[in-house]
């Protein structure tokens, strides 16, 4: 198996666009970014700001 090239990335992007639609892509990107940040903080052993205070 080789590396993923430009044409493969373009095909994946088109499939994702067809599955979720253009309106949901920013929401999915934001959720994915937040999940990655939370995962990295968990690996470092730090707490995020969201967990420190309860919401009212």
N, C-alpha and C. Protein backbone atom coordinates (compact mmCIF):
# COMPACT_ATOMS: atom_id res chain seq x y z
N UNK A 1 0.84 -1.18 0.00
CA UNK A 1 0.00 0.00 0.00
C UNK A 1 0.89 1.24 0.00
N UNK A 2 0.57 2.14 -0.88
CA UNK A 2 1.33 3.37 -0.98
C UNK A 2 0.69 4.50 -0.22
N UNK A 3 1.22 5.65 -0.43
CA UNK A 3 0.66 6.84 0.20
C UNK A 3 -0.62 7.28 -0.51
N UNK A 4 -1.41 8.05 0.22
CA UNK A 4 -2.63 8.58 -0.38
C UNK A 4 -2.26 9.81 -1.19
N UNK A 5 -2.61 9.80 -2.45
CA UNK A 5 -2.30 10.90 -3.36
C UNK A 5 -3.42 11.91 -3.44
N UNK A 6 -3.20 12.90 -4.28
CA UNK A 6 -4.19 13.98 -4.44
C UNK A 6 -5.50 13.46 -4.99
N UNK A 7 -5.44 12.56 -5.97
CA UNK A 7 -6.68 12.06 -6.56
C UNK A 7 -7.51 11.26 -5.56
N UNK A 8 -6.85 10.52 -4.68
CA UNK A 8 -7.58 9.77 -3.65
C UNK A 8 -8.23 10.71 -2.64
N UNK A 9 -7.50 11.75 -2.23
CA UNK A 9 -8.07 12.73 -1.30
C UNK A 9 -9.26 13.46 -1.91
N UNK A 10 -9.15 13.77 -3.19
CA UNK A 10 -10.26 14.43 -3.88
C UNK A 10 -11.48 13.52 -3.94
N UNK A 11 -11.27 12.26 -4.20
CA UNK A 11 -12.38 11.29 -4.24
C UNK A 11 -13.03 11.16 -2.87
N UNK A 12 -12.24 11.11 -1.81
CA UNK A 12 -12.77 11.02 -0.45
C UNK A 12 -13.58 12.27 -0.12
N UNK A 13 -13.08 13.44 -0.49
CA UNK A 13 -13.79 14.69 -0.24
C UNK A 13 -15.14 14.72 -0.96
N UNK A 14 -15.16 14.25 -2.19
CA UNK A 14 -16.42 14.21 -2.96
C UNK A 14 -17.42 13.27 -2.31
N UNK A 15 -16.97 12.11 -1.87
CA UNK A 15 -17.87 11.14 -1.22
C UNK A 15 -18.44 11.73 0.07
N UNK A 16 -17.58 12.37 0.88
CA UNK A 16 -18.05 12.99 2.13
C UNK A 16 -19.05 14.10 1.83
N UNK A 17 -18.77 14.89 0.82
CA UNK A 17 -19.69 15.96 0.43
C UNK A 17 -21.04 15.41 0.01
N UNK A 18 -21.04 14.32 -0.73
CA UNK A 18 -22.30 13.70 -1.15
C UNK A 18 -23.06 13.09 0.02
N UNK A 19 -22.34 12.51 0.97
CA UNK A 19 -23.00 11.86 2.11
C UNK A 19 -23.61 12.87 3.07
N UNK A 20 -22.86 13.92 3.39
CA UNK A 20 -23.31 14.82 4.45
C UNK A 20 -23.87 16.14 3.94
N UNK A 21 -23.52 16.55 2.76
CA UNK A 21 -24.00 17.83 2.25
C UNK A 21 -23.10 18.97 2.68
N UNK A 22 -23.14 20.05 1.91
CA UNK A 22 -22.26 21.19 2.14
C UNK A 22 -22.60 21.94 3.43
N UNK A 23 -23.84 21.90 3.87
CA UNK A 23 -24.25 22.65 5.05
C UNK A 23 -23.73 22.03 6.34
N UNK A 24 -23.55 20.71 6.37
CA UNK A 24 -23.11 20.05 7.59
C UNK A 24 -21.60 19.92 7.71
N UNK A 25 -20.86 20.16 6.63
CA UNK A 25 -19.41 19.99 6.66
C UNK A 25 -18.72 20.89 7.69
N UNK A 26 -19.05 22.18 7.81
CA UNK A 26 -18.39 22.99 8.85
C UNK A 26 -18.67 22.48 10.27
N UNK A 27 -19.89 22.01 10.50
CA UNK A 27 -20.25 21.46 11.80
C UNK A 27 -19.44 20.20 12.10
N UNK A 28 -19.30 19.34 11.11
CA UNK A 28 -18.53 18.11 11.27
C UNK A 28 -17.06 18.45 11.51
N UNK A 29 -16.53 19.42 10.77
CA UNK A 29 -15.13 19.84 10.95
C UNK A 29 -14.87 20.39 12.34
N UNK A 30 -15.80 21.20 12.84
CA UNK A 30 -15.64 21.76 14.19
C UNK A 30 -15.70 20.66 15.24
N UNK A 31 -16.60 19.72 15.08
CA UNK A 31 -16.70 18.61 16.03
C UNK A 31 -15.45 17.75 16.00
N UNK A 32 -14.93 17.51 14.81
CA UNK A 32 -13.72 16.70 14.68
C UNK A 32 -12.52 17.43 15.30
N UNK A 33 -12.41 18.73 15.08
CA UNK A 33 -11.33 19.50 15.68
C UNK A 33 -11.38 19.50 17.20
N UNK A 34 -12.59 19.63 17.75
CA UNK A 34 -12.75 19.61 19.20
C UNK A 34 -12.39 18.24 19.76
N UNK A 35 -12.78 17.19 19.07
CA UNK A 35 -12.46 15.84 19.52
C UNK A 35 -10.95 15.59 19.50
N UNK A 36 -10.27 16.08 18.49
CA UNK A 36 -8.82 15.91 18.41
C UNK A 36 -8.13 16.67 19.54
N UNK A 37 -8.58 17.91 19.80
CA UNK A 37 -8.00 18.68 20.90
C UNK A 37 -8.21 18.00 22.24
N UNK A 38 -9.41 17.49 22.48
CA UNK A 38 -9.70 16.78 23.73
C UNK A 38 -8.83 15.53 23.87
N UNK A 39 -8.64 14.81 22.78
CA UNK A 39 -7.81 13.62 22.80
C UNK A 39 -6.36 13.98 23.13
N UNK A 40 -5.84 15.05 22.52
CA UNK A 40 -4.47 15.46 22.79
C UNK A 40 -4.31 15.91 24.24
N UNK A 41 -5.28 16.62 24.77
CA UNK A 41 -5.22 17.03 26.17
C UNK A 41 -5.27 15.82 27.10
N UNK A 42 -6.06 14.83 26.75
CA UNK A 42 -6.14 13.63 27.57
C UNK A 42 -4.81 12.87 27.55
N UNK A 43 -4.14 12.86 26.42
CA UNK A 43 -2.85 12.20 26.35
C UNK A 43 -1.81 12.90 27.21
N UNK A 44 -1.90 14.22 27.29
CA UNK A 44 -0.96 14.99 28.10
C UNK A 44 -1.31 14.94 29.58
N UNK A 45 -2.53 14.53 29.90
CA UNK A 45 -2.97 14.46 31.28
C UNK A 45 -3.51 15.76 31.82
N UNK A 46 -3.81 16.70 30.95
CA UNK A 46 -4.35 17.98 31.37
C UNK A 46 -5.87 17.94 31.28
N UNK A 47 -6.50 18.77 32.10
CA UNK A 47 -7.94 18.89 32.02
C UNK A 47 -8.28 20.05 31.11
N UNK A 48 -9.40 19.93 30.38
CA UNK A 48 -9.85 21.04 29.55
C UNK A 48 -10.71 21.98 30.38
N UNK A 49 -10.92 23.18 29.88
CA UNK A 49 -11.70 24.17 30.60
C UNK A 49 -13.16 23.78 30.72
N UNK A 50 -13.66 22.98 29.78
CA UNK A 50 -15.07 22.60 29.77
C UNK A 50 -15.43 21.72 30.97
N UNK A 51 -14.49 20.92 31.45
CA UNK A 51 -14.78 19.96 32.51
C UNK A 51 -14.72 20.58 33.91
N UNK A 52 -14.12 21.74 34.06
CA UNK A 52 -13.91 22.33 35.37
C UNK A 52 -15.13 22.93 36.00
N UNK A 53 -16.03 23.50 35.23
CA UNK A 53 -17.18 24.18 35.79
C UNK A 53 -18.46 23.56 35.27
N UNK A 54 -19.41 23.31 36.17
CA UNK A 54 -20.69 22.76 35.72
C UNK A 54 -21.51 23.83 35.02
N UNK A 55 -22.29 23.41 34.06
CA UNK A 55 -23.16 24.34 33.33
C UNK A 55 -24.47 24.50 34.07
N UNK A 56 -25.02 25.71 34.07
CA UNK A 56 -26.29 25.92 34.75
C UNK A 56 -27.40 26.13 33.78
